[in-house]
Each structure stands twice: as structure tokens, then as C-alpha cells.
Amino acid sequence: MEAINTEMPFGKYAGRKLIHLPEPYLVWFHKQGFPNSNLGKQLALLYEIKLNGLEGMLKPLIRG
């Protein structure tokens, strides 16, 4: 799954893998609207994963 190993390209969490973004940050994006891009789709996916408490299942897929 590409989304969990993609790094945030900008902002306070630049360089951090999307899977490691704090849930409140993803909630903020959800309220503001995700960017209309591949990154936006990945952030929306991670929002749903974290909202449903599923990030633990993805830990074996995290590289590095």
C-alpha cells in the first residue's frame, strides 16, 4: 500500500510518513477538504484507516 509509506511533502509534518500523521491533523484536513490530488486521496484513506482504528494492521507494511 503506497499511501502508508508516502511522506508528507509540506507543512508541520513534512517528511513524516502519512501513517504516522496524528489523527487530529487528518481530522482537520477532513473538515477543510482534502486536496484534489493523489496526496489528497491518500490522506483521505489514512483518515478512514485511523478513524476505524485499523492502523495496527498496516504496521507490517511500513518500510524503514
PDB file of N, CA and C in Angstrom:
ATOM      1  N   MET A   1       0.851  -1.172   0.000  1.00  0.00           N
ATOM      2  CA  MET A   1       0.000   0.000   0.000  1.00  0.00           C
ATOM      3  C   MET A   1       0.901   1.242   0.000  1.00  0.00           C
ATOM      4  N   GLU A   2       0.862   1.957  -1.079  1.00  0.00           N
ATOM      5  CA  GLU A   2       1.707   3.126  -1.274  1.00  0.00           C
ATOM      6  C   GLU A   2       1.441   4.229  -0.247  1.00  0.00           C
ATOM      7  N   ALA A   3       0.190   4.426   0.116  1.00  0.00           N
ATOM      8  CA  ALA A   3      -0.182   5.550   0.983  1.00  0.00           C
ATOM      9  C   ALA A   3       0.537   5.530   2.329  1.00  0.00           C
ATOM     10  N   ILE A   4       0.746   4.366   2.917  1.00  0.00           N
ATOM     11  CA  ILE A   4       1.335   4.350   4.255  1.00  0.00           C
ATOM     12  C   ILE A   4       2.821   4.676   4.241  1.00  0.00           C
ATOM     13  N   ASN A   5       3.477   4.506   3.108  1.00  0.00           N
ATOM     14  CA  ASN A   5       4.907   4.800   3.018  1.00  0.00           C
ATOM     15  C   ASN A   5       5.210   6.127   2.328  1.00  0.00           C
ATOM     16  N   THR A   6       4.187   6.830   1.895  1.00  0.00           N
ATOM     17  CA  THR A   6       4.360   8.149   1.303  1.00  0.00           C
ATOM     18  C   THR A   6       4.665   9.141   2.415  1.00  0.00           C
ATOM     19  N   GLU A   7       5.597  10.047   2.147  1.00  0.00           N
ATOM     20  CA  GLU A   7       5.945  11.068   3.137  1.00  0.00           C
ATOM     21  C   GLU A   7       5.161  12.344   2.859  1.00  0.00           C
ATOM     22  N   MET A   8       4.765  13.010   3.925  1.00  0.00           N
ATOM     23  CA  MET A   8       4.077  14.287   3.818  1.00  0.00           C
ATOM     24  C   MET A   8       5.048  15.289   3.201  1.00  0.00           C
ATOM     25  N   PRO A   9       4.672  15.922   2.085  1.00  0.00           N
ATOM     26  CA  PRO A   9       5.623  16.782   1.386  1.00  0.00           C
ATOM     27  C   PRO A   9       5.711  18.224   1.905  1.00  0.00           C
ATOM     28  N   PHE A  10       4.806  18.632   2.789  1.00  0.00           N
ATOM     29  CA  PHE A  10       4.808  20.036   3.219  1.00  0.00           C
ATOM     30  C   PHE A  10       4.261  20.171   4.635  1.00  0.00           C
ATOM     31  N   GLY A  11       4.407  21.361   5.173  1.00  0.00           N
ATOM     32  CA  GLY A  11       3.805  21.702   6.453  1.00  0.00           C
ATOM     33  C   GLY A  11       4.561  21.206   7.665  1.00  0.00           C
ATOM     34  N   LYS A  12       3.897  21.291   8.771  1.00  0.00           N
ATOM     35  CA  LYS A  12       4.463  20.939  10.081  1.00  0.00           C
ATOM     36  C   LYS A  12       5.002  19.507  10.115  1.00  0.00           C
ATOM     37  N   TYR A  13       4.368  18.622   9.386  1.00  0.00           N
ATOM     38  CA  TYR A  13       4.745  17.208   9.415  1.00  0.00           C
ATOM     39  C   TYR A  13       5.486  16.766   8.152  1.00  0.00           C
ATOM     40  N   ALA A  14       6.102  17.700   7.451  1.00  0.00           N
ATOM     41  CA  ALA A  14       6.869  17.380   6.240  1.00  0.00           C
ATOM     42  C   ALA A  14       7.921  16.324   6.554  1.00  0.00           C
ATOM     43  N   GLY A  15       8.009  15.308   5.694  1.00  0.00           N
ATOM     44  CA  GLY A  15       8.970  14.229   5.875  1.00  0.00           C
ATOM     45  C   GLY A  15       8.465  13.062   6.695  1.00  0.00           C
ATOM     46  N   ARG A  16       7.333  13.226   7.352  1.00  0.00           N
ATOM     47  CA  ARG A  16       6.761  12.140   8.157  1.00  0.00           C
ATOM     48  C   ARG A  16       5.878  11.265   7.264  1.00  0.00           C
ATOM     49  N   LYS A  17       5.952   9.961   7.455  1.00  0.00           N
ATOM     50  CA  LYS A  17       5.090   9.051   6.689  1.00  0.00           C
ATOM     51  C   LYS A  17       3.627   9.340   7.033  1.00  0.00           C
ATOM     52  N   LEU A  18       2.778   9.233   6.037  1.00  0.00           N
ATOM     53  CA  LEU A  18       1.361   9.540   6.247  1.00  0.00           C
ATOM     54  C   LEU A  18       0.757   8.686   7.349  1.00  0.00           C
ATOM     55  N   ILE A  19       1.176   7.441   7.476  1.00  0.00           N
ATOM     56  CA  ILE A  19       0.637   6.561   8.522  1.00  0.00           C
ATOM     57  C   ILE A  19       0.968   7.096   9.911  1.00  0.00           C
ATOM     58  N   HIS A  20       2.023   7.901  10.016  1.00  0.00           N
ATOM     59  CA  HIS A  20       2.440   8.438  11.314  1.00  0.00           C
ATOM     60  C   HIS A  20       1.886   9.837  11.598  1.00  0.00           C
ATOM     61  N   LEU A  21       1.050  10.354  10.708  1.00  0.00           N
ATOM     62  CA  LEU A  21       0.429  11.654  10.972  1.00  0.00           C
ATOM     63  C   LEU A  21      -0.560  11.511  12.126  1.00  0.00           C
ATOM     64  N   PRO A  22      -0.618  12.503  13.003  1.00  0.00           N
ATOM     65  CA  PRO A  22      -1.577  12.410  14.107  1.00  0.00           C
ATOM     66  C   PRO A  22      -3.024  12.505  13.599  1.00  0.00           C
ATOM     67  N   GLU A  23      -3.880  11.766  14.246  1.00  0.00           N
ATOM     68  CA  GLU A  23      -5.286  11.741  13.839  1.00  0.00           C
ATOM     69  C   GLU A  23      -5.925  13.132  13.825  1.00  0.00           C
ATOM     70  N   PRO A  24      -5.666  13.997  14.819  1.00  0.00           N
ATOM     71  CA  PRO A  24      -6.274  15.338  14.768  1.00  0.00           C
ATOM     72  C   PRO A  24      -5.903  16.124  13.503  1.00  0.00           C
ATOM     73  N   TYR A  25      -4.703  15.908  12.986  1.00  0.00           N
ATOM     74  CA  TYR A  25      -4.288  16.570  11.744  1.00  0.00           C
ATOM     75  C   TYR A  25      -5.132  16.073  10.567  1.00  0.00           C
ATOM     76  N   LEU A  26      -5.380  14.777  10.518  1.00  0.00           N
ATOM     77  CA  LEU A  26      -6.214  14.209   9.453  1.00  0.00           C
ATOM     78  C   LEU A  26      -7.665  14.650   9.602  1.00  0.00           C
ATOM     79  N   VAL A  27      -8.132  14.787  10.835  1.00  0.00           N
ATOM     80  CA  VAL A  27      -9.497  15.284  11.079  1.00  0.00           C
ATOM     81  C   VAL A  27      -9.608  16.721  10.576  1.00  0.00           C
ATOM     82  N   TRP A  28      -8.577  17.531  10.828  1.00  0.00           N
ATOM     83  CA  TRP A  28      -8.570  18.912  10.348  1.00  0.00           C
ATOM     84  C   TRP A  28      -8.663  18.940   8.823  1.00  0.00           C
ATOM     85  N   PHE A  29      -7.867  18.103   8.154  1.00  0.00           N
ATOM     86  CA  PHE A  29      -7.924  18.026   6.697  1.00  0.00           C
ATOM     87  C   PHE A  29      -9.317  17.602   6.238  1.00  0.00           C
ATOM     88  N   HIS A  30      -9.903  16.649   6.937  1.00  0.00           N
ATOM     89  CA  HIS A  30     -11.243  16.180   6.582  1.00  0.00           C
ATOM     90  C   HIS A  30     -12.248  17.331   6.644  1.00  0.00           C
ATOM     91  N   LYS A  31     -12.150  18.149   7.677  1.00  0.00           N
ATOM     92  CA  LYS A  31     -13.070  19.283   7.835  1.00  0.00           C
ATOM     93  C   LYS A  31     -12.822  20.362   6.787  1.00  0.00           C
ATOM     94  N   GLN A  32     -11.552  20.606   6.449  1.00  0.00           N
ATOM     95  CA  GLN A  32     -11.189  21.640   5.477  1.00  0.00           C
ATOM     96  C   GLN A  32     -11.405  21.193   4.037  1.00  0.00           C
ATOM     97  N   GLY A  33     -11.307  19.895   3.837  1.00  0.00           N
ATOM     98  CA  GLY A  33     -11.366  19.325   2.495  1.00  0.00           C
ATOM     99  C   GLY A  33      -9.982  18.859   2.085  1.00  0.00           C
ATOM    100  N   PHE A  34      -9.889  17.619   1.670  1.00  0.00           N
ATOM    101  CA  PHE A  34      -8.606  17.074   1.237  1.00  0.00           C
ATOM    102  C   PHE A  34      -8.229  17.687  -0.108  1.00  0.00           C
ATOM    103  N   PRO A  35      -6.926  17.845  -0.369  1.00  0.00           N
ATOM    104  CA  PRO A  35      -6.508  18.374  -1.672  1.00  0.00           C
ATOM    105  C   PRO A  35      -7.022  17.493  -2.817  1.00  0.00           C
ATOM    106  N   ASN A  36      -7.274  18.109  -3.947  1.00  0.00           N
ATOM    107  CA  ASN A  36      -7.747  17.377  -5.122  1.00  0.00           C
ATOM    108  C   ASN A  36      -6.533  16.841  -5.876  1.00  0.00           C
ATOM    109  N   SER A  37      -5.929  15.816  -5.314  1.00  0.00           N
ATOM    110  CA  SER A  37      -4.702  15.243  -5.871  1.00  0.00           C
ATOM    111  C   SER A  37      -4.545  13.819  -5.343  1.00  0.00           C
ATOM    112  N   ASN A  38      -3.493  13.148  -5.811  1.00  0.00           N
ATOM    113  CA  ASN A  38      -3.202  11.820  -5.303  1.00  0.00           C
ATOM    114  C   ASN A  38      -2.932  11.877  -3.795  1.00  0.00           C
ATOM    115  N   LEU A  39      -2.202  12.910  -3.355  1.00  0.00           N
ATOM    116  CA  LEU A  39      -1.942  13.077  -1.922  1.00  0.00           C
ATOM    117  C   LEU A  39      -3.252  13.213  -1.158  1.00  0.00           C
ATOM    118  N   GLY A  40      -4.189  13.968  -1.689  1.00  0.00           N
ATOM    119  CA  GLY A  40      -5.492  14.120  -1.037  1.00  0.00           C
ATOM    120  C   GLY A  40      -6.215  12.795  -0.887  1.00  0.00           C
ATOM    121  N   LYS A  41      -6.142  11.966  -1.912  1.00  0.00           N
ATOM    122  CA  LYS A  41      -6.766  10.628  -1.837  1.00  0.00           C
ATOM    123  C   LYS A  41      -6.080   9.778  -0.774  1.00  0.00           C
ATOM    124  N   GLN A  42      -4.754   9.880  -0.698  1.00  0.00           N
ATOM    125  CA  GLN A  42      -4.016   9.112   0.299  1.00  0.00           C
ATOM    126  C   GLN A  42      -4.350   9.596   1.711  1.00  0.00           C
ATOM    127  N   LEU A  43      -4.436  10.915   1.896  1.00  0.00           N
ATOM    128  CA  LEU A  43      -4.793  11.459   3.210  1.00  0.00           C
ATOM    129  C   LEU A  43      -6.202  11.027   3.611  1.00  0.00           C
ATOM    130  N   ALA A  44      -7.123  11.030   2.663  1.00  0.00           N
ATOM    131  CA  ALA A  44      -8.494  10.591   2.952  1.00  0.00           C
ATOM    132  C   ALA A  44      -8.521   9.116   3.354  1.00  0.00           C
ATOM    133  N   LEU A  45      -7.717   8.301   2.669  1.00  0.00           N
ATOM    134  CA  LEU A  45      -7.628   6.884   3.012  1.00  0.00           C
ATOM    135  C   LEU A  45      -7.078   6.710   4.427  1.00  0.00           C
ATOM    136  N   LEU A  46      -6.007   7.433   4.744  1.00  0.00           N
ATOM    137  CA  LEU A  46      -5.421   7.327   6.083  1.00  0.00           C
ATOM    138  C   LEU A  46      -6.385   7.837   7.152  1.00  0.00           C
ATOM    139  N   TYR A  47      -7.160   8.849   6.834  1.00  0.00           N
ATOM    140  CA  TYR A  47      -8.183   9.343   7.762  1.00  0.00           C
ATOM    141  C   TYR A  47      -9.158   8.214   8.109  1.00  0.00           C
ATOM    142  N   GLU A  48      -9.646   7.523   7.096  1.00  0.00           N
ATOM    143  CA  GLU A  48     -10.590   6.419   7.324  1.00  0.00           C
ATOM    144  C   GLU A  48      -9.944   5.279   8.103  1.00  0.00           C
ATOM    145  N   ILE A  49      -8.699   4.974   7.784  1.00  0.00           N
ATOM    146  CA  ILE A  49      -7.984   3.904   8.482  1.00  0.00           C
ATOM    147  C   ILE A  49      -7.850   4.238   9.963  1.00  0.00           C
ATOM    148  N   LYS A  50      -7.412   5.460  10.261  1.00  0.00           N
ATOM    149  CA  LYS A  50      -7.225   5.852  11.664  1.00  0.00           C
ATOM    150  C   LYS A  50      -8.557   5.999  12.386  1.00  0.00           C
ATOM    151  N   LEU A  51      -9.552   6.542  11.699  1.00  0.00           N
ATOM    152  CA  LEU A  51     -10.882   6.713  12.289  1.00  0.00           C
ATOM    153  C   LEU A  51     -11.445   5.376  12.764  1.00  0.00           C
ATOM    154  N   ASN A  52     -11.144   4.314  12.013  1.00  0.00           N
ATOM    155  CA  ASN A  52     -11.657   2.983  12.336  1.00  0.00           C
ATOM    156  C   ASN A  52     -10.668   2.124  13.115  1.00  0.00           C
ATOM    157  N   GLY A  53      -9.544   2.733  13.550  1.00  0.00           N
ATOM    158  CA  GLY A  53      -8.582   2.025  14.392  1.00  0.00           C
ATOM    159  C   GLY A  53      -7.870   0.879  13.708  1.00  0.00           C
ATOM    160  N   LEU A  54      -7.618   1.000  12.419  1.00  0.00           N
ATOM    161  CA  LEU A  54      -7.038  -0.104  11.664  1.00  0.00           C
ATOM    162  C   LEU A  54      -5.548   0.045  11.392  1.00  0.00           C
ATOM    163  N   GLU A  55      -4.918   1.126  11.874  1.00  0.00           N
ATOM    164  CA  GLU A  55      -3.507   1.341  11.541  1.00  0.00           C
ATOM    165  C   GLU A  55      -2.599   0.231  12.058  1.00  0.00           C
ATOM    166  N   GLY A  56      -2.976  -0.443  13.133  1.00  0.00           N
ATOM    167  CA  GLY A  56      -2.175  -1.546  13.662  1.00  0.00           C
ATOM    168  C   GLY A  56      -2.011  -2.686  12.676  1.00  0.00           C
ATOM    169  N   MET A  57      -3.011  -2.911  11.867  1.00  0.00           N
ATOM    170  CA  MET A  57      -2.948  -3.971  10.859  1.00  0.00           C
ATOM    171  C   MET A  57      -1.929  -3.656   9.761  1.00  0.00           C
ATOM    172  N   LEU A  58      -1.624  -2.376   9.582  1.00  0.00           N
ATOM    173  CA  LEU A  58      -0.745  -1.958   8.489  1.00  0.00           C
ATOM    174  C   LEU A  58       0.714  -1.852   8.901  1.00  0.00           C
ATOM    175  N   LYS A  59       1.008  -1.954  10.180  1.00  0.00           N
ATOM    176  CA  LYS A  59       2.382  -1.794  10.658  1.00  0.00           C
ATOM    177  C   LYS A  59       3.373  -2.718   9.956  1.00  0.00           C
ATOM    178  N   PRO A  60       3.027  -3.976   9.638  1.00  0.00           N
ATOM    179  CA  PRO A  60       3.990  -4.825   8.937  1.00  0.00           C
ATOM    180  C   PRO A  60       4.353  -4.318   7.530  1.00  0.00           C
ATOM    181  N   LEU A  61       3.559  -3.428   6.978  1.00  0.00           N
ATOM    182  CA  LEU A  61       3.791  -2.918   5.629  1.00  0.00           C
ATOM    183  C   LEU A  61       4.655  -1.653   5.603  1.00  0.00           C
ATOM    184  N   ILE A  62       4.934  -1.094   6.776  1.00  0.00           N
ATOM    185  CA  ILE A  62       5.707   0.138   6.845  1.00  0.00           C
ATOM    186  C   ILE A  62       7.175  -0.169   6.576  1.00  0.00           C
ATOM    187  N   ARG A  63       7.750   0.561   5.623  1.00  0.00           N
ATOM    188  CA  ARG A  63       9.164   0.389   5.288  1.00  0.00           C
ATOM    189  C   ARG A  63      10.016   1.359   6.096  1.00  0.00           C
ATOM    190  N   GLY A  64      11.183   0.893   6.502  1.00  0.00           N
ATOM    191  CA  GLY A  64      12.134   1.777   7.195  1.00  0.00           C
ATOM    192  C   GLY A  64      11.692   2.066   8.538  1.00  0.00           C
TER     193      GLY A  64
END
